[in-house]
Protein backbone atom coordinates (compact mmCIF):
# COMPACT_ATOMS: atom_id res chain seq x y z
CA MET A 1 105.65 49.18 115.49
CA ASN A 2 101.89 49.48 115.94
CA ILE A 3 101.01 53.12 115.32
CA LEU A 4 97.80 55.06 116.01
CA LEU A 5 97.43 58.34 114.10
CA LEU A 6 94.71 60.67 115.36
CA GLY A 7 92.78 62.87 112.89
CA SER A 8 90.74 62.83 109.71
CA GLY A 9 92.00 65.54 107.39
CA GLY A 10 94.43 66.04 104.54
CA ARG A 11 97.29 66.47 106.98
CA GLU A 12 96.55 63.09 108.53
CA HIS A 13 96.31 61.39 105.10
CA ALA A 14 99.75 62.85 104.24
CA LEU A 15 101.20 61.60 107.52
CA ALA A 16 99.53 58.18 107.11
CA TRP A 17 100.82 57.93 103.49
CA LYS A 18 104.37 58.46 104.76
CA LEU A 19 104.14 56.34 107.98
CA ALA A 20 102.78 53.42 105.91
CA GLN A 21 105.98 53.47 103.78
CA SER A 22 108.25 52.63 106.75
CA LYS A 23 109.54 49.11 107.23
CA LYS A 24 109.20 49.75 110.94
CA THR A 25 105.40 50.03 110.63
CA GLU A 26 103.62 46.79 111.43
CA HIS A 27 100.02 48.05 111.80
CA LEU A 28 98.86 51.60 111.16
CA TYR A 29 95.53 52.72 112.59
CA ILE A 30 93.86 56.05 111.90
CA ALA A 31 91.13 57.43 114.15
CA PRO A 32 88.74 58.31 112.70
CA GLY A 33 90.43 58.74 109.30
CA ASN A 34 88.80 59.28 105.91
CA ALA A 35 88.34 57.49 102.53
CA GLY A 36 92.00 58.08 101.69
CA THR A 37 93.58 56.98 104.96
CA SER A 38 91.71 53.66 104.63
CA GLN A 39 94.09 52.83 101.79
CA THR A 40 97.15 53.29 104.00
CA GLY A 41 95.99 51.59 107.14
CA THR A 42 92.89 50.72 109.19
CA ASN A 43 90.35 53.46 110.05
CA VAL A 44 89.02 53.26 113.59
CA PRO A 45 85.70 54.93 114.57
CA VAL A 46 87.12 56.72 117.66
CA ASP A 47 86.77 60.46 118.36
CA VAL A 48 90.15 62.25 118.78
CA THR A 49 89.09 63.67 122.16
CA ASP A 50 87.59 60.49 123.59
CA PHE A 51 90.68 59.64 125.63
CA ASP A 52 89.08 56.66 127.42
CA ALA A 53 88.14 55.06 124.05
CA ILE A 54 91.64 55.77 122.76
CA LYS A 55 93.18 54.15 125.82
CA THR A 56 91.03 51.02 125.36
CA PHE A 57 92.09 50.76 121.74
CA VAL A 58 95.79 51.38 122.43
CA VAL A 59 95.82 48.60 125.08
CA GLU A 60 93.80 46.24 123.00
CA LYS A 61 95.88 46.60 119.86
CA GLU A 62 99.23 46.96 121.71
CA VAL A 63 99.96 50.33 120.09
CA ASP A 64 103.55 51.46 120.50
CA MET A 65 103.25 55.09 119.30
CA VAL A 66 100.44 57.64 119.06
CA VAL A 67 100.88 60.43 116.56
CA VAL A 68 98.55 63.38 117.25
CA GLY A 69 97.45 65.18 114.04
CA PRO A 70 95.06 67.99 115.10
CA GLU A 71 95.44 70.57 117.90
CA LEU A 72 92.32 69.84 120.00
CA PRO A 73 93.45 66.62 121.69
CA LEU A 74 96.86 68.28 122.46
CA VAL A 75 95.24 71.38 124.08
CA LYS A 76 92.81 69.07 125.96
CA GLY A 77 95.78 67.13 127.37
CA ILE A 78 96.03 63.75 125.68
CA LYS A 79 99.75 63.63 126.48
CA ASN A 80 99.01 64.26 130.19
CA TYR A 81 96.33 61.52 130.08
CA PHE A 82 98.89 58.99 128.77
CA LYS A 83 101.48 60.07 131.39
CA GLU A 84 98.97 59.66 134.21
CA ASN A 85 97.81 56.19 133.20
CA LYS A 86 100.26 53.47 134.23
CA VAL A 87 98.94 51.07 131.58
CA LEU A 88 99.93 53.63 128.88
CA ASP A 89 103.36 54.39 130.38
CA ASN A 90 105.45 52.89 127.62
CA VAL A 91 103.45 54.31 124.67
CA LEU A 92 105.36 57.03 122.75
CA VAL A 93 103.23 60.17 122.16
CA VAL A 94 104.20 62.58 119.38
CA GLY A 95 102.92 65.97 120.56
CA PRO A 96 103.29 68.37 123.47
CA ASP A 97 101.45 68.13 126.80
CA MET A 98 98.65 70.46 127.81
CA GLN A 99 100.85 73.22 129.16
CA ALA A 100 103.21 73.29 126.19
CA ALA A 101 100.26 73.13 123.78
CA GLN A 102 99.18 76.51 125.15
CA LEU A 103 101.66 77.93 122.58
CA GLU A 104 98.81 77.29 120.19
CA GLY A 105 95.89 77.14 122.57
CA SER A 106 96.37 80.72 123.88
CA LYS A 107 97.55 83.62 121.77
CA SER A 108 98.47 85.66 124.88
CA TYR A 109 100.44 82.71 126.39
CA ALA A 110 102.42 82.46 123.11
CA LYS A 111 103.05 86.23 123.04
CA GLU A 112 104.26 86.19 126.68
CA PHE A 113 106.54 83.22 125.88
CA MET A 114 108.01 85.18 122.89
CA GLN A 115 108.58 88.24 125.03
CA ARG A 116 110.39 86.19 127.70
CA HIS A 117 112.71 84.69 125.05
CA ASN A 118 113.24 87.80 122.83
CA ILE A 119 111.54 86.22 119.85
CA PRO A 120 110.50 88.87 117.27
CA THR A 121 106.70 89.37 117.07
CA ALA A 122 104.21 92.21 116.62
CA PRO A 123 103.55 94.50 119.70
CA TYR A 124 100.27 93.54 121.37
CA ARG A 125 97.85 93.86 124.32
CA LYS A 126 95.19 91.55 125.71
CA PHE A 127 91.62 92.69 126.55
CA ASN A 128 88.40 91.12 127.91
CA GLU A 129 84.91 92.27 128.85
CA GLU A 130 86.13 94.11 131.93
CA THR A 131 88.80 96.05 130.00
CA LEU A 132 86.73 96.78 126.92
CA GLU A 133 87.04 100.57 127.24
CA GLU A 134 90.84 100.21 127.43
CA GLY A 135 90.64 98.10 124.29
CA TYR A 136 88.82 100.90 122.44
CA ARG A 137 91.50 103.43 123.54
CA PHE A 138 94.31 101.03 122.45
CA LEU A 139 92.71 100.68 119.03
CA GLU A 140 92.53 104.48 118.69
CA LYS A 141 96.35 104.62 119.13
CA LEU A 142 97.01 102.10 116.31
CA GLN A 143 97.25 102.73 112.60
CA PRO A 144 94.93 100.63 110.45
CA PRO A 145 94.57 97.87 109.56
CA TYR A 146 93.54 96.60 113.02
CA VAL A 147 94.35 92.95 113.96
CA LEU A 148 92.01 91.24 116.47
CA LYS A 149 92.68 87.63 117.54
CA ALA A 150 90.58 85.35 119.70
CA ASP A 151 92.92 84.22 122.50
CA GLY A 152 91.72 80.57 122.38
CA LEU A 153 91.19 78.01 119.65
CA ALA A 154 88.72 79.07 117.03
CA ALA A 155 89.34 76.46 114.26
CA GLY A 156 91.46 78.89 112.30
CA LYS A 157 88.73 81.47 112.05
CA GLY A 158 89.44 83.66 115.12
CA VAL A 159 91.50 86.36 113.42
CA LEU A 160 90.07 89.60 112.06
CA ILE A 161 91.95 92.19 110.04
CA LEU A 162 89.91 95.39 109.67
CA GLU A 163 90.53 98.77 108.04
CA ASP A 164 87.80 100.76 109.83
CA LEU A 165 88.28 101.85 113.46
CA GLN A 166 84.58 101.85 114.32
CA GLN A 167 84.13 98.36 112.87
CA ALA A 168 87.17 97.18 114.87
CA LYS A 169 85.52 98.48 118.07
CA GLU A 170 82.25 96.80 117.21
CA GLU A 171 83.94 93.47 116.38
CA LEU A 172 85.94 93.64 119.64
CA THR A 173 82.66 94.07 121.56
CA GLN A 174 81.08 91.11 119.74
CA MET A 175 84.12 88.93 120.41
CA VAL A 176 84.51 89.50 124.11
CA ASN A 177 80.79 89.20 124.90
CA GLY A 178 80.76 85.70 123.38
CA ALA A 179 78.61 86.40 120.40
CA LYS A 180 81.54 85.78 118.00
CA PHE A 181 83.85 82.76 118.32
CA GLY A 182 82.30 81.80 121.68
CA GLU A 183 84.55 81.02 124.72
CA ALA A 184 87.66 81.24 122.53
CA ALA A 185 87.29 85.05 122.40
CA SER A 186 86.57 85.80 126.07
CA ASN A 187 90.08 87.30 125.87
CA VAL A 188 91.14 89.12 122.70
CA VAL A 189 94.67 89.92 121.64
CA ILE A 190 95.01 93.19 119.64
CA GLU A 191 98.30 93.58 117.92
CA SER A 192 100.09 95.89 115.43
CA TYR A 193 99.69 94.95 111.80
CA LEU A 194 102.85 93.68 110.16
CA LYS A 195 102.99 94.28 106.38
CA GLY A 196 105.07 91.69 104.58
CA ILE A 197 104.86 88.27 103.02
CA GLU A 198 103.80 85.09 104.95
CA LEU A 199 105.92 81.97 105.26
CA SER A 200 105.27 78.71 107.12
CA ALA A 201 108.29 77.18 108.84
CA PHE A 202 108.35 73.85 110.66
CA ALA A 203 110.58 71.96 113.05
CA LEU A 204 110.54 68.67 114.90
CA THR A 205 111.75 68.86 118.45
CA ASP A 206 112.24 66.41 121.36
CA GLY A 207 112.38 69.34 123.76
CA LYS A 208 116.19 69.60 123.58
CA ASP A 209 117.22 69.36 119.95
CA TYR A 210 115.45 70.10 116.69
CA LYS A 211 115.37 69.32 112.96
CA ILE A 212 114.19 72.00 110.55
CA LEU A 213 111.63 70.69 108.04
CA PRO A 214 111.03 72.21 104.60
CA VAL A 215 109.31 75.63 104.55
CA ALA A 216 106.09 76.21 102.62
CA LYS A 217 103.75 79.01 101.53
CA ASP A 218 100.03 78.36 101.95
CA TYR A 219 97.03 80.21 100.52
CA LYS A 220 94.27 80.86 103.04
CA ARG A 221 91.69 83.01 101.22
CA ILE A 222 88.94 81.45 99.11
CA GLY A 223 89.34 83.81 96.11
CA GLU A 224 92.03 84.25 93.55
CA GLY A 225 94.51 87.02 94.19
CA ASP A 226 94.09 86.32 97.93
CA THR A 227 90.57 87.76 98.12
CA GLY A 228 87.45 86.83 100.10
CA PRO A 229 87.13 85.08 103.47
CA ASN A 230 89.77 82.89 105.10
CA THR A 231 89.54 79.13 104.74
CA GLY A 232 91.45 76.26 106.24
CA GLY A 233 93.80 76.56 103.26
CA MET A 234 93.38 76.37 99.47
CA GLY A 235 96.82 75.04 98.57
CA SER A 236 100.54 75.22 99.26
CA VAL A 237 103.96 75.07 97.64
CA SER A 238 107.37 73.92 98.98
CA PRO A 239 110.13 75.08 98.90
CA VAL A 240 109.53 78.84 98.71
CA PRO A 241 111.71 80.83 96.28
CA PHE A 242 112.20 83.85 98.58
CA ALA A 243 113.30 81.67 101.55
CA THR A 244 116.98 82.14 100.82
CA GLU A 245 119.87 80.74 102.79
CA GLU A 246 120.29 84.17 104.41
CA LEU A 247 116.61 84.36 105.49
CA MET A 248 116.59 80.75 106.73
CA LYS A 249 119.64 81.48 108.85
CA LYS A 250 117.77 84.43 110.46
CA ILE A 251 114.71 82.26 111.07
CA GLU A 252 116.80 79.59 112.81
CA GLU A 253 118.89 81.98 114.90
CA ARG A 254 116.13 84.45 115.87
CA ILE A 255 113.11 82.16 116.07
CA ILE A 256 113.55 78.37 115.95
CA LYS A 257 116.60 78.07 118.21
CA PRO A 258 115.31 80.47 120.93
CA THR A 259 111.90 78.80 120.85
CA VAL A 260 113.37 75.36 121.54
CA GLU A 261 115.75 76.79 124.14
CA GLY A 262 112.77 78.50 125.77
CA ILE A 263 110.89 75.18 125.85
CA LYS A 264 113.92 73.59 127.50
CA GLU A 265 114.45 76.45 130.01
CA GLU A 266 110.80 76.36 131.07
CA ASN A 267 110.79 72.56 131.39
CA LEU A 268 107.89 72.20 128.97
CA ASP A 269 107.10 68.66 127.85
CA TYR A 270 107.24 69.26 124.11
CA THR A 271 107.92 66.32 121.77
CA GLY A 272 106.56 66.88 118.28
CA PHE A 273 106.01 69.31 115.44
CA ILE A 274 106.21 73.09 115.82
CA PHE A 275 104.68 75.35 113.19
CA PHE A 276 106.00 78.89 112.97
CA GLY A 277 103.54 81.14 111.16
CA LEU A 278 105.91 83.92 110.03
CA MET A 279 105.63 87.35 108.45
CA ILE A 280 108.71 88.40 106.58
CA VAL A 281 109.06 92.23 106.77
CA ASP A 282 112.00 93.73 104.81
CA ASN A 283 113.68 90.31 104.88
CA ASP A 284 113.36 90.02 108.70
CA PRO A 285 111.16 87.24 110.20
CA TYR A 286 108.47 87.84 112.85
CA VAL A 287 106.26 85.20 114.49
CA ILE A 288 102.56 85.67 113.81
CA GLU A 289 101.58 82.43 115.57
CA TYR A 290 102.72 79.05 116.80
CA ASN A 291 100.93 75.81 116.07
CA CYS A 292 101.75 72.62 117.96
CA ARG A 293 101.30 70.30 114.95
CA MET A 294 101.86 70.17 111.21
CA GLY A 295 100.04 72.80 109.19
CA ASP A 296 97.31 71.94 106.71
CA PRO A 297 97.54 72.28 103.69
CA GLU A 298 101.33 72.72 104.16
CA ALA A 299 101.70 69.05 105.24
CA GLU A 300 100.47 67.95 101.80
CA SER A 301 103.47 69.62 100.11
CA ILE A 302 106.05 69.10 102.88
CA ILE A 303 105.56 65.51 103.93
CA PRO A 304 106.13 64.25 100.33
CA ARG A 305 109.52 66.04 100.36
CA ILE A 306 110.78 64.11 103.41
CA LYS A 307 112.94 61.25 102.17
CA SER A 308 113.92 59.91 105.64
CA ASP A 309 111.93 57.27 107.48
CA LEU A 310 109.19 59.25 109.28
CA VAL A 311 108.55 56.48 111.85
CA GLU A 312 112.24 56.68 112.89
CA LEU A 313 112.13 60.43 113.09
CA LEU A 314 108.90 60.52 115.17
CA ALA A 315 109.95 57.75 117.51
CA ALA A 316 113.23 59.61 118.15
CA THR A 317 111.26 62.82 118.68
CA ALA A 318 109.04 61.14 121.31
CA ASN A 319 111.86 59.32 123.15
CA GLY A 320 114.33 62.17 123.21
CA THR A 321 116.94 60.87 120.77
CA LEU A 322 116.30 63.24 117.85
CA ARG A 323 119.99 64.26 117.73
CA GLN A 324 120.93 60.79 116.57
CA THR A 325 118.77 60.92 113.45
CA THR A 326 119.36 62.39 110.00
CA LEU A 327 116.77 64.30 107.97
CA GLU A 328 116.99 63.89 104.17
CA ILE A 329 114.94 66.18 101.97
CA ASP A 330 113.84 65.79 98.35
CA GLU A 331 115.22 68.75 96.43
CA ARG A 332 112.22 68.84 94.04
CA TYR A 333 109.28 71.21 94.41
CA ALA A 334 105.96 69.94 95.61
CA ALA A 335 102.72 71.83 94.98
CA SER A 336 99.29 71.07 96.42
CA VAL A 337 95.92 72.35 95.13
CA MET A 338 92.86 71.93 97.35
CA LEU A 339 89.47 70.96 95.86
CA VAL A 340 86.62 72.27 97.99
CA SER A 341 82.86 72.02 98.10
CA GLY A 342 80.79 74.80 96.45
CA GLY A 343 79.84 77.39 99.03
CA TYR A 344 82.82 76.72 101.30
CA PRO A 345 83.87 78.34 103.71
CA GLY A 346 80.18 79.17 104.16
CA SER A 347 77.41 76.53 104.04
CA TYR A 348 77.90 73.69 101.54
CA GLU A 349 76.38 70.34 100.60
CA LYS A 350 77.95 66.97 101.35
CA GLY A 351 77.58 63.54 99.81
CA LYS A 352 78.53 64.49 96.27
CA LYS A 353 79.94 61.49 94.31
CA MET A 354 83.51 62.02 93.07
CA GLU A 355 84.53 60.94 89.57
CA GLY A 356 87.86 60.52 87.82
CA ILE A 357 90.01 59.70 90.84
CA GLU A 358 91.27 56.49 89.23
CA GLY A 359 92.44 58.37 86.11
CA VAL A 360 95.01 60.67 87.73
CA ASN A 361 98.76 60.21 87.16
CA ASN A 362 102.06 61.63 88.35
CA CYS A 363 100.41 63.01 91.46
CA ILE A 364 99.38 62.08 95.03
CA LEU A 365 95.82 62.55 96.20
CA PHE A 366 95.49 63.46 99.87
CA HIS A 367 91.87 63.06 101.00
CA ALA A 368 90.50 65.61 103.50
CA GLY A 369 86.67 65.71 103.61
CA THR A 370 85.84 62.37 101.98
CA ALA A 371 83.95 59.24 102.94
CA ARG A 372 83.39 55.92 101.22
CA ASP A 373 79.80 55.00 100.30
CA ILE A 374 78.72 51.94 102.29
CA ASP A 375 76.70 50.48 99.42
CA ASP A 376 78.91 50.84 96.33
CA GLY A 377 82.29 51.85 97.78
CA SER A 378 82.46 55.08 95.79
CA VAL A 379 84.17 58.15 97.26
CA LYS A 380 81.85 60.99 98.26
CA THR A 381 82.44 64.47 99.69
CA SER A 382 82.00 64.82 103.37
CA GLY A 383 83.50 68.23 104.17
CA GLY A 384 84.33 71.71 102.97
CA ARG A 385 87.91 70.96 101.96
CA VAL A 386 87.60 67.72 100.03
CA MET A 387 90.94 66.70 98.57
CA ALA A 388 94.50 67.98 97.94
CA VAL A 389 96.14 67.18 94.63
CA THR A 390 99.91 67.14 95.09
CA ALA A 391 102.60 66.91 92.43
CA TYR A 392 106.37 67.13 92.21
CA GLY A 393 108.37 69.18 89.72
CA ASN A 394 111.93 70.32 89.09
CA THR A 395 110.52 73.84 89.22
CA MET A 396 107.58 75.30 91.03
CA GLU A 397 105.86 75.93 87.69
CA GLU A 398 106.26 72.30 86.66
CA ALA A 399 104.91 71.02 89.95
CA LEU A 400 101.84 73.31 89.69
CA GLN A 401 101.28 72.47 85.99
CA THR A 402 101.14 68.71 86.85
CA ALA A 403 98.88 69.29 89.92
CA TYR A 404 96.45 71.41 87.87
CA ALA A 405 96.40 68.86 85.01
CA ASN A 406 95.16 66.26 87.49
CA VAL A 407 92.74 68.66 89.20
CA ASP A 408 90.97 68.86 85.85
CA LEU A 409 90.51 65.05 85.77
CA ILE A 410 88.57 64.94 89.09
CA GLY A 411 84.92 65.96 89.13
CA PHE A 412 82.08 66.37 91.65
CA GLU A 413 79.06 68.62 91.77
CA GLY A 414 80.00 72.09 93.06
CA LYS A 415 83.78 71.51 92.77
CA TYR A 416 85.80 74.68 93.34
CA TYR A 417 89.56 75.39 93.48
CA ARG A 418 91.88 78.34 93.20
CA LYS A 419 93.58 78.55 89.82
CA ASP A 420 96.37 80.80 91.07
CA ILE A 421 98.31 78.88 93.78
CA GLY A 422 101.85 80.19 93.73
CA PHE A 423 100.83 83.30 91.80
CA ASP A 424 102.82 85.67 94.02
CA LEU A 425 106.03 83.62 93.81
CA LYS A 426 106.42 83.50 90.05
CA ASN A 427 109.14 85.62 88.41
């Protein structure tokens, strides 16, 4: 198969790394890709939301399957675009259409979907500029902390958790009048705070059947001990020690199964990954959010644990034959530690030369914000999150130890990483 993978982050490098291993892959193209993906296939200078340019490339290169990495092309309707273009009719697309992608694209749409299908989630209400006073009164009824979420896509930064009522009211005002998070927060979801431990669960679905992928725990905050501002993710581990057989059964029966049945009942065109952002409260799972694609940095610890042929799995997902496939998982732990640019998630400098990449061993490097220097071919930083260092181990501690040993071998000016990934999971 000729495959086009859309995206340029660590998630996409993990997917590209796995897709390239399949005997079914003839040509793998990544648009736009990064310095790491260029080692697994051919990078293509096409923007993920330039559907006309994608169409031209797909026709020209006789692409058989398009795998959509990030959320933006899905929410903007790339699947619909392919369905509406006769020349693209036979191309498989891994990802939901525009309507189904609203499960990620709109927090209130997702909440209403969960209510319709009795999927456990935090109580909530939606407010906008016209209902601002009602929003204040709703906040007054809640106990702190107060959870405010931009209804639309805000690149992972549209969630505020605040202890002070007055501050919550001020932030709500800033959100709905467009000063904070822009158009994404013209509607704001306010929900009750759930106190527990987070867990990332994943499934592949063809809209009728599903396969449950490994679970992971990711670490969003920049500082050790889960302090400081949120980032796109500073690391992840898989599997998760507290995700017992009993808990996984609850997650499947109460959340994964009714979600897929809801998709089927509502005739949503959903063929791809579902991410379930969960909060485990007293050993009961609640959905915090849906994503319509693999998580990042969870992908960097989950994809390496998939032993089955990913091309076979994704093709079956896209053409509705997922039931006929088998999913084999590596029993070992995988741990990923993210190297980031100094200053991230605030302002940071790019173009820092990276040293020591060739000297790593017993690990996989998944590039995120990297680029190759045109003149000397060296790898340079080009983003906030630069690279994930992933390692296997028979225990979580062993996987983390190997990952950190390799983190120490890689250097660039301003390098920062959290030294405590998995800290809350150790005995």
